[in-house]
Amino acid sequence: MDAAGWDERYRGSELVWKAEPNRFVAQELAGLEPSGRAVDIAAGEGRNAVWLAERGWEVDAVDFSAVALEKAGRLAAERDVRVRTVQADLMDWAPPVASYGLALIAYLQVPWPQLAEVLSRAATAVRTGGTLLLVGHDAANLHHGHGGPRDPDVLCTADQVAGVWRPYADVVRAETVARPVVDTEGHSRTALDALVRAVRR
C-alpha cells in the first residue's frame, strides 16, 4: 500500500490501532534508560513514539503518511509530551549517522530488499551502545499464526533481520514470539511475530 492508501486508512477519527504501545516494545524497552534521541521508523499513529516520549526519550516519528503523523501529533499533545514528526518515504529517508540511542521498527511490512535497506540505515543511525529493536509479523505466521499480511513477500524471519544487523551490532535476542489475539468471532488465537534486539558496537 502506498502513502495515499495509508492516508485513506488512517483518515477516520478513531485510531486504527490502540493508543497503548505494542506489548513487545513495552516488554523490551521498559527497562531501558532513556539516553537522548530515539527514532520510531514507520511510526504510524505514534503509539510507540508517544510511549517512548513519556519515558523521557526525545523521539523522531518517521512515516510516509501525513494523516498518521497528524494523529501522532494529536496523541502526543493529549499525553502532554513532544514528538517530532518526519514525513518521509523510508526508501528515500537518510537518517543522521550515529545520532540515536534507540531505533525502533515495529510492523514495517515491505518486501525484503526494502526492509534490509531500512535495517541497514537504522543500524548506521544508532550510536555505539545504542539499541536496535524490530518487531514484525513473522514469516511463520502465514501458515501457523493468525492475522497479519497474507503476502509472503512482506514477511520476514528473526534470523534474516539478525543477519543484517550482525555486522553492526551484537544481537542479544532473535526469535519468533507468540502474541495472543482475538478473532472477529471473539475467539482467542495466536499470532507469530519476529522479534530482534541488538546493541550497536
Protein backbone atom coordinates (compact mmCIF):
# COMPACT_ATOMS: atom_id res chain seq x y z
CA MET A 1 0.00 0.00 0.00
CA ASP A 2 1.34 3.45 -0.90
CA ALA A 3 1.19 6.67 1.14
CA ALA A 4 -2.17 7.66 -0.32
CA GLY A 5 -3.61 4.28 0.59
CA TRP A 6 -2.39 4.54 4.16
CA ASP A 7 -3.64 8.13 4.38
CA GLU A 8 -7.10 6.84 3.47
CA ARG A 9 -6.90 4.04 6.03
CA TYR A 10 -5.83 6.44 8.77
CA ARG A 11 -8.33 9.16 7.86
CA GLY A 12 -11.04 8.11 10.35
CA SER A 13 -11.25 9.99 13.61
CA GLU A 14 -10.52 6.89 15.67
CA LEU A 15 -7.09 5.28 15.98
CA VAL A 16 -6.60 2.28 13.67
CA TRP A 17 -4.63 0.65 16.48
CA LYS A 18 -4.96 1.27 20.20
CA ALA A 19 -3.05 4.11 21.83
CA GLU A 20 -1.01 1.84 24.10
CA PRO A 21 2.41 0.64 22.88
CA ASN A 22 2.91 -2.74 21.29
CA ARG A 23 3.32 -5.38 24.00
CA PHE A 24 6.79 -6.45 22.85
CA VAL A 25 8.01 -2.87 22.50
CA ALA A 26 6.95 -2.25 26.09
CA GLN A 27 8.44 -5.51 27.37
CA GLU A 28 11.79 -5.00 25.67
CA LEU A 29 12.24 -1.27 26.27
CA ALA A 30 10.55 -0.51 29.62
CA GLY A 31 13.80 -1.16 31.47
CA LEU A 32 15.99 0.75 29.03
CA GLU A 33 17.29 4.01 30.47
CA PRO A 34 16.46 6.91 28.10
CA SER A 35 19.64 8.25 26.53
CA GLY A 36 18.77 11.19 24.34
CA ARG A 37 17.22 10.69 20.94
CA ALA A 38 15.15 7.77 19.65
CA VAL A 39 13.66 7.15 16.22
CA ASP A 40 10.43 5.25 15.58
CA ILE A 41 10.65 4.10 11.96
CA ALA A 42 7.26 3.59 10.25
CA ALA A 43 5.66 5.15 13.32
CA GLY A 44 2.08 5.21 12.04
CA GLU A 45 -0.24 6.93 14.52
CA GLY A 46 2.58 7.21 17.03
CA ARG A 47 1.54 4.88 19.85
CA ASN A 48 5.09 3.60 20.38
CA ALA A 49 6.69 7.00 19.78
CA VAL A 50 4.44 8.68 22.34
CA TRP A 51 5.12 5.93 24.88
CA LEU A 52 8.87 6.43 24.40
CA ALA A 53 8.47 10.18 24.83
CA GLU A 54 6.57 9.57 28.06
CA ARG A 55 9.57 7.60 29.29
CA GLY A 56 11.94 10.50 28.64
CA TRP A 57 13.22 9.93 25.09
CA GLU A 58 13.44 12.73 22.51
CA VAL A 59 11.55 10.96 19.74
CA ASP A 60 11.54 11.34 15.96
CA ALA A 61 8.49 9.59 14.47
CA VAL A 62 9.06 8.82 10.79
CA ASP A 63 6.29 7.73 8.42
CA PHE A 64 5.15 8.43 4.87
CA SER A 65 1.51 9.04 5.86
CA ALA A 66 0.80 12.68 6.68
CA VAL A 67 -2.58 11.68 8.14
CA ALA A 68 -0.97 9.17 10.51
CA LEU A 69 1.63 11.68 11.66
CA GLU A 70 -1.06 14.29 12.30
CA LYS A 71 -2.79 11.77 14.56
CA ALA A 72 0.53 11.01 16.24
CA GLY A 73 0.94 14.71 16.96
CA ARG A 74 -2.54 14.86 18.49
CA LEU A 75 -1.87 11.79 20.62
CA ALA A 76 1.38 13.35 21.87
CA ALA A 77 -0.44 16.57 22.74
CA GLU A 78 -3.12 14.63 24.62
CA ARG A 79 -0.40 12.89 26.63
CA ASP A 80 1.46 16.20 27.14
CA VAL A 81 4.68 15.03 25.50
CA ARG A 82 6.60 16.20 22.46
CA VAL A 83 7.23 14.01 19.42
CA ARG A 84 8.95 15.34 16.31
CA THR A 85 7.15 14.01 13.23
CA VAL A 86 9.05 13.44 10.00
CA GLN A 87 7.09 12.70 6.82
CA ALA A 88 9.33 10.65 4.54
CA ASP A 89 9.34 7.63 2.29
CA LEU A 90 11.70 5.25 4.05
CA MET A 91 13.30 4.36 0.72
CA ASP A 92 14.45 7.99 0.45
CA TRP A 93 14.97 8.74 4.13
CA ALA A 94 18.60 9.20 5.13
CA PRO A 95 18.87 9.35 8.93
CA PRO A 96 21.80 11.14 10.55
CA VAL A 97 24.67 8.77 11.32
CA ALA A 98 25.30 7.66 14.93
CA SER A 99 22.80 10.14 16.37
CA TYR A 100 20.23 7.95 18.12
CA GLY A 101 20.34 5.91 21.30
CA LEU A 102 17.43 3.79 20.07
CA ALA A 103 15.97 2.80 16.71
CA LEU A 104 12.60 1.04 16.71
CA ILE A 105 10.97 -0.65 13.73
CA ALA A 106 7.54 -2.08 14.51
CA TYR A 107 5.49 -3.86 11.85
CA LEU A 108 7.11 -2.38 8.78
CA GLN A 109 5.86 -4.99 6.30
CA VAL A 110 7.60 -4.33 2.98
CA PRO A 111 9.43 -6.64 0.55
CA TRP A 112 12.68 -7.98 1.98
CA PRO A 113 15.11 -5.97 -0.19
CA GLN A 114 13.47 -2.76 1.02
CA LEU A 115 13.35 -3.89 4.64
CA ALA A 116 17.02 -4.92 4.55
CA GLU A 117 17.90 -1.41 3.33
CA VAL A 118 15.90 0.20 6.13
CA LEU A 119 17.53 -2.13 8.68
CA SER A 120 20.99 -1.10 7.49
CA ARG A 121 20.13 2.58 7.66
CA ALA A 122 18.70 2.14 11.14
CA ALA A 123 21.91 0.46 12.28
CA THR A 124 24.09 3.28 11.00
CA ALA A 125 21.79 5.83 12.65
CA VAL A 126 22.38 4.35 16.12
CA ARG A 127 25.46 5.30 18.09
CA THR A 128 27.76 2.86 19.88
CA GLY A 129 25.95 1.29 22.83
CA GLY A 130 22.54 2.16 21.42
CA THR A 131 19.67 -0.28 20.97
CA LEU A 132 18.04 -1.62 17.80
CA LEU A 133 14.64 -3.29 18.07
CA LEU A 134 12.46 -4.84 15.39
CA VAL A 135 9.04 -6.38 15.90
CA GLY A 136 7.07 -7.59 12.90
CA HIS A 137 4.80 -10.28 11.51
CA ASP A 138 6.91 -13.42 11.23
CA ALA A 139 7.02 -15.49 8.05
CA ALA A 140 5.75 -18.45 10.10
CA ASN A 141 2.56 -16.55 10.85
CA LEU A 142 1.32 -17.10 7.31
CA HIS A 143 0.64 -20.80 7.93
CA HIS A 144 0.92 -21.20 11.71
CA GLY A 145 -0.48 -17.98 13.16
CA HIS A 146 -3.50 -15.71 12.91
CA GLY A 147 -3.98 -12.40 11.09
CA GLY A 148 -1.27 -10.26 9.57
CA PRO A 149 -0.39 -9.86 5.89
CA ARG A 150 -1.13 -12.79 3.60
CA ASP A 151 1.63 -11.83 1.16
CA PRO A 152 4.76 -13.89 1.93
CA ASP A 153 6.95 -11.29 0.21
CA VAL A 154 6.37 -8.80 3.04
CA LEU A 155 7.07 -11.26 5.84
CA CYS A 156 10.49 -11.98 7.32
CA THR A 157 12.18 -14.09 9.98
CA ALA A 158 14.15 -13.05 13.03
CA ASP A 159 17.22 -14.76 11.55
CA GLN A 160 17.01 -12.62 8.41
CA VAL A 161 16.89 -9.42 10.44
CA ALA A 162 19.68 -10.54 12.76
CA GLY A 163 21.81 -11.32 9.72
CA VAL A 164 21.58 -7.72 8.54
CA TRP A 165 22.37 -6.27 11.95
CA ARG A 166 25.24 -8.57 12.96
CA PRO A 167 27.92 -6.64 11.02
CA TYR A 168 26.94 -3.54 13.01
CA ALA A 169 25.72 -4.81 16.35
CA ASP A 170 25.66 -7.60 18.91
CA VAL A 171 22.34 -9.44 18.60
CA VAL A 172 21.01 -10.19 22.08
CA ARG A 173 17.65 -11.66 21.06
CA ALA A 174 16.34 -13.06 17.77
CA GLU A 175 13.31 -15.32 17.90
CA THR A 176 9.71 -15.95 16.93
CA VAL A 177 7.33 -14.86 19.69
CA ALA A 178 3.65 -15.59 20.24
CA ARG A 179 1.11 -12.79 20.59
CA PRO A 180 -2.44 -13.54 21.79
CA VAL A 181 -5.16 -12.00 19.61
CA VAL A 182 -8.94 -12.22 19.40
CA ASP A 183 -10.53 -13.00 16.04
CA THR A 184 -13.66 -11.38 14.62
CA GLU A 185 -15.85 -14.01 16.30
CA GLY A 186 -14.33 -13.38 19.72
CA HIS A 187 -12.16 -16.49 19.84
CA SER A 188 -8.65 -16.41 21.28
CA ARG A 189 -5.99 -17.02 18.66
CA THR A 190 -2.20 -16.73 18.42
CA ALA A 191 -0.18 -14.53 16.08
CA LEU A 192 3.53 -15.13 15.47
CA ASP A 193 5.93 -12.20 15.39
CA ALA A 194 9.62 -11.83 14.68
CA LEU A 195 11.49 -10.06 17.47
CA VAL A 196 15.11 -8.94 17.20
CA ARG A 197 17.03 -6.80 19.66
CA ALA A 198 20.64 -5.73 19.19
CA VAL A 199 23.21 -3.36 20.73
CA ARG A 200 25.30 -1.25 18.39
CA ARG A 201 29.05 -1.80 18.54
